[in-house]
Amino acid sequence: MEYLQIISVPAIATIVYWAVNLIKYATNNNEKFKRFIPLVSAGLGVILGVVCYYGIPDIIAAPNVLIAIISGGSSGLSATGCNQIIKQFAKENGDKKDEE
């Protein structure tokens, strides 16, 4: 079952990424909310880490709940990082099109 443990981090990051995008859409890209996106991502990741630890213990590589919390939080924060990577690539490609 080790292959399932490899999936937990990207799965949590993907779920958090789409949940934050839905929240941003629901709040109409509110500037106040944008400041709290990393905190919300970490919180959602922690919640999903704990849910995976108790609900599906084979999917998360955590010997105790503290490690599940840390793993989930870092996975949630990685969703924010992925969002910024996508945003910067889109911005960079947009700048190159303007130059041509």
C-alpha atoms as a PDB file:
ATOM      1  CA  MET A   1       0.000   0.000   0.000  1.00  0.00           C
ATOM      2  CA  GLU A   2       2.981   2.355  -0.242  1.00  0.00           C
ATOM      3  CA  TYR A   3       1.838   3.717  -3.592  1.00  0.00           C
ATOM      4  CA  LEU A   4      -1.286   5.101  -1.897  1.00  0.00           C
ATOM      5  CA  GLN A   5       0.879   7.053   0.546  1.00  0.00           C
ATOM      6  CA  ILE A   6       2.620   8.799  -2.349  1.00  0.00           C
ATOM      7  CA  ILE A   7      -0.733  10.089  -3.600  1.00  0.00           C
ATOM      8  CA  SER A   8      -1.810  11.798  -0.371  1.00  0.00           C
ATOM      9  CA  VAL A   9       0.211  15.021  -0.717  1.00  0.00           C
ATOM     10  CA  PRO A  10      -0.771  15.835  -4.331  1.00  0.00           C
ATOM     11  CA  ALA A  11      -4.366  14.786  -3.652  1.00  0.00           C
ATOM     12  CA  ILE A  12      -4.672  17.153  -0.679  1.00  0.00           C
ATOM     13  CA  ALA A  13      -2.955  19.939  -2.636  1.00  0.00           C
ATOM     14  CA  THR A  14      -5.340  19.485  -5.573  1.00  0.00           C
ATOM     15  CA  ILE A  15      -8.443  19.489  -3.377  1.00  0.00           C
ATOM     16  CA  VAL A  16      -7.261  22.608  -1.528  1.00  0.00           C
ATOM     17  CA  TYR A  17      -6.342  24.344  -4.813  1.00  0.00           C
ATOM     18  CA  TRP A  18      -9.819  23.877  -6.254  1.00  0.00           C
ATOM     19  CA  ALA A  19     -11.562  24.673  -2.955  1.00  0.00           C
ATOM     20  CA  VAL A  20      -9.684  27.984  -2.675  1.00  0.00           C
ATOM     21  CA  ASN A  21     -10.507  28.806  -6.296  1.00  0.00           C
ATOM     22  CA  LEU A  22     -14.185  28.157  -5.583  1.00  0.00           C
ATOM     23  CA  ILE A  23     -14.029  30.365  -2.491  1.00  0.00           C
ATOM     24  CA  LYS A  24     -12.314  33.123  -4.496  1.00  0.00           C
ATOM     25  CA  TYR A  25     -15.019  32.881  -7.147  1.00  0.00           C
ATOM     26  CA  ALA A  26     -17.780  32.958  -4.514  1.00  0.00           C
ATOM     27  CA  THR A  27     -16.290  36.054  -2.864  1.00  0.00           C
ATOM     28  CA  ASN A  28     -15.847  37.834  -6.236  1.00  0.00           C
ATOM     29  CA  ASN A  29     -12.069  38.087  -5.782  1.00  0.00           C
ATOM     30  CA  ASN A  30     -12.427  40.159  -2.639  1.00  0.00           C
ATOM     31  CA  GLU A  31      -9.124  41.897  -1.815  1.00  0.00           C
ATOM     32  CA  LYS A  32      -9.538  41.238   1.929  1.00  0.00           C
ATOM     33  CA  PHE A  33      -9.909  37.520   1.294  1.00  0.00           C
ATOM     34  CA  LYS A  34      -6.830  37.403  -0.944  1.00  0.00           C
ATOM     35  CA  ARG A  35      -4.644  38.297   2.042  1.00  0.00           C
ATOM     36  CA  PHE A  36      -5.842  35.205   3.895  1.00  0.00           C
ATOM     37  CA  ILE A  37      -5.511  32.668   1.068  1.00  0.00           C
ATOM     38  CA  PRO A  38      -2.342  31.027   2.477  1.00  0.00           C
ATOM     39  CA  LEU A  39      -3.966  30.741   5.917  1.00  0.00           C
ATOM     40  CA  VAL A  40      -7.140  29.253   4.437  1.00  0.00           C
ATOM     41  CA  SER A  41      -5.072  26.833   2.332  1.00  0.00           C
ATOM     42  CA  ALA A  42      -3.087  25.682   5.351  1.00  0.00           C
ATOM     43  CA  GLY A  43      -6.277  25.293   7.399  1.00  0.00           C
ATOM     44  CA  LEU A  44      -8.025  23.260   4.719  1.00  0.00           C
ATOM     45  CA  GLY A  45      -4.907  21.122   4.343  1.00  0.00           C
ATOM     46  CA  VAL A  46      -4.803  20.461   8.089  1.00  0.00           C
ATOM     47  CA  ILE A  47      -8.461  19.476   8.091  1.00  0.00           C
ATOM     48  CA  LEU A  48      -7.956  17.136   5.128  1.00  0.00           C
ATOM     49  CA  GLY A  49      -4.829  15.659   6.732  1.00  0.00           C
ATOM     50  CA  VAL A  50      -6.733  14.816   9.913  1.00  0.00           C
ATOM     51  CA  VAL A  51      -9.700  13.455   7.937  1.00  0.00           C
ATOM     52  CA  CYS A  52      -7.348  11.230   5.935  1.00  0.00           C
ATOM     53  CA  TYR A  53      -5.565  10.093   9.097  1.00  0.00           C
ATOM     54  CA  TYR A  54      -8.765   8.985  10.808  1.00  0.00           C
ATOM     55  CA  GLY A  55     -10.916   8.158   7.779  1.00  0.00           C
ATOM     56  CA  ILE A  56      -8.449   6.531   5.392  1.00  0.00           C
ATOM     57  CA  PRO A  57      -5.301   5.780   7.405  1.00  0.00           C
ATOM     58  CA  ASP A  58      -3.678   3.812   4.557  1.00  0.00           C
ATOM     59  CA  ILE A  59      -3.546   6.853   2.284  1.00  0.00           C
ATOM     60  CA  ILE A  60      -1.448   9.162   4.476  1.00  0.00           C
ATOM     61  CA  ALA A  61       2.054   8.316   5.638  1.00  0.00           C
ATOM     62  CA  ALA A  62       1.700   9.529   9.211  1.00  0.00           C
ATOM     63  CA  PRO A  63       2.411   7.504  12.345  1.00  0.00           C
ATOM     64  CA  ASN A  64       0.458   9.964  14.512  1.00  0.00           C
ATOM     65  CA  VAL A  65      -2.025  12.816  14.178  1.00  0.00           C
ATOM     66  CA  LEU A  66       0.623  15.537  14.618  1.00  0.00           C
ATOM     67  CA  ILE A  67       2.485  14.345  11.531  1.00  0.00           C
ATOM     68  CA  ALA A  68      -0.846  14.198   9.663  1.00  0.00           C
ATOM     69  CA  ILE A  69      -1.528  17.821  10.654  1.00  0.00           C
ATOM     70  CA  ILE A  70       1.911  18.951   9.488  1.00  0.00           C
ATOM     71  CA  SER A  71       1.660  16.956   6.258  1.00  0.00           C
ATOM     72  CA  GLY A  72      -1.809  18.296   5.520  1.00  0.00           C
ATOM     73  CA  GLY A  73      -0.825  21.893   6.277  1.00  0.00           C
ATOM     74  CA  SER A  74       2.231  21.735   4.064  1.00  0.00           C
ATOM     75  CA  SER A  75       0.164  20.147   1.300  1.00  0.00           C
ATOM     76  CA  GLY A  76      -2.341  22.982   1.585  1.00  0.00           C
ATOM     77  CA  LEU A  77       0.409  25.575   1.391  1.00  0.00           C
ATOM     78  CA  SER A  78       1.841  23.839  -1.665  1.00  0.00           C
ATOM     79  CA  ALA A  79      -1.502  24.486  -3.367  1.00  0.00           C
ATOM     80  CA  THR A  80      -0.897  28.211  -2.872  1.00  0.00           C
ATOM     81  CA  GLY A  81       2.567  27.844  -4.352  1.00  0.00           C
ATOM     82  CA  CYS A  82       1.193  25.991  -7.371  1.00  0.00           C
ATOM     83  CA  ASN A  83      -1.359  28.749  -7.862  1.00  0.00           C
ATOM     84  CA  GLN A  84       1.415  31.351  -7.888  1.00  0.00           C
ATOM     85  CA  ILE A  85       3.478  29.333 -10.372  1.00  0.00           C
ATOM     86  CA  ILE A  86       0.520  29.128 -12.758  1.00  0.00           C
ATOM     87  CA  LYS A  87      -0.220  32.818 -12.286  1.00  0.00           C
ATOM     88  CA  GLN A  88       3.401  33.849 -12.979  1.00  0.00           C
ATOM     89  CA  PHE A  89       3.615  31.667 -16.103  1.00  0.00           C
ATOM     90  CA  ALA A  90       0.378  33.183 -17.390  1.00  0.00           C
ATOM     91  CA  LYS A  91       1.660  36.676 -16.663  1.00  0.00           C
ATOM     92  CA  GLU A  92       4.995  35.922 -18.348  1.00  0.00           C
ATOM     93  CA  ASN A  93       3.297  34.527 -21.469  1.00  0.00           C
ATOM     94  CA  GLY A  94       0.988  37.541 -21.588  1.00  0.00           C
ATOM     95  CA  ASP A  95       3.965  39.923 -21.474  1.00  0.00           C
ATOM     96  CA  LYS A  96       5.694  38.112 -24.340  1.00  0.00           C
ATOM     97  CA  LYS A  97       2.570  38.352 -26.494  1.00  0.00           C
ATOM     98  CA  ASP A  98       2.412  42.105 -25.898  1.00  0.00           C
ATOM     99  CA  GLU A  99       6.035  42.502 -27.033  1.00  0.00           C
ATOM    100  CA  GLU A 100       5.485  40.720 -30.371  1.00  0.00           C
END
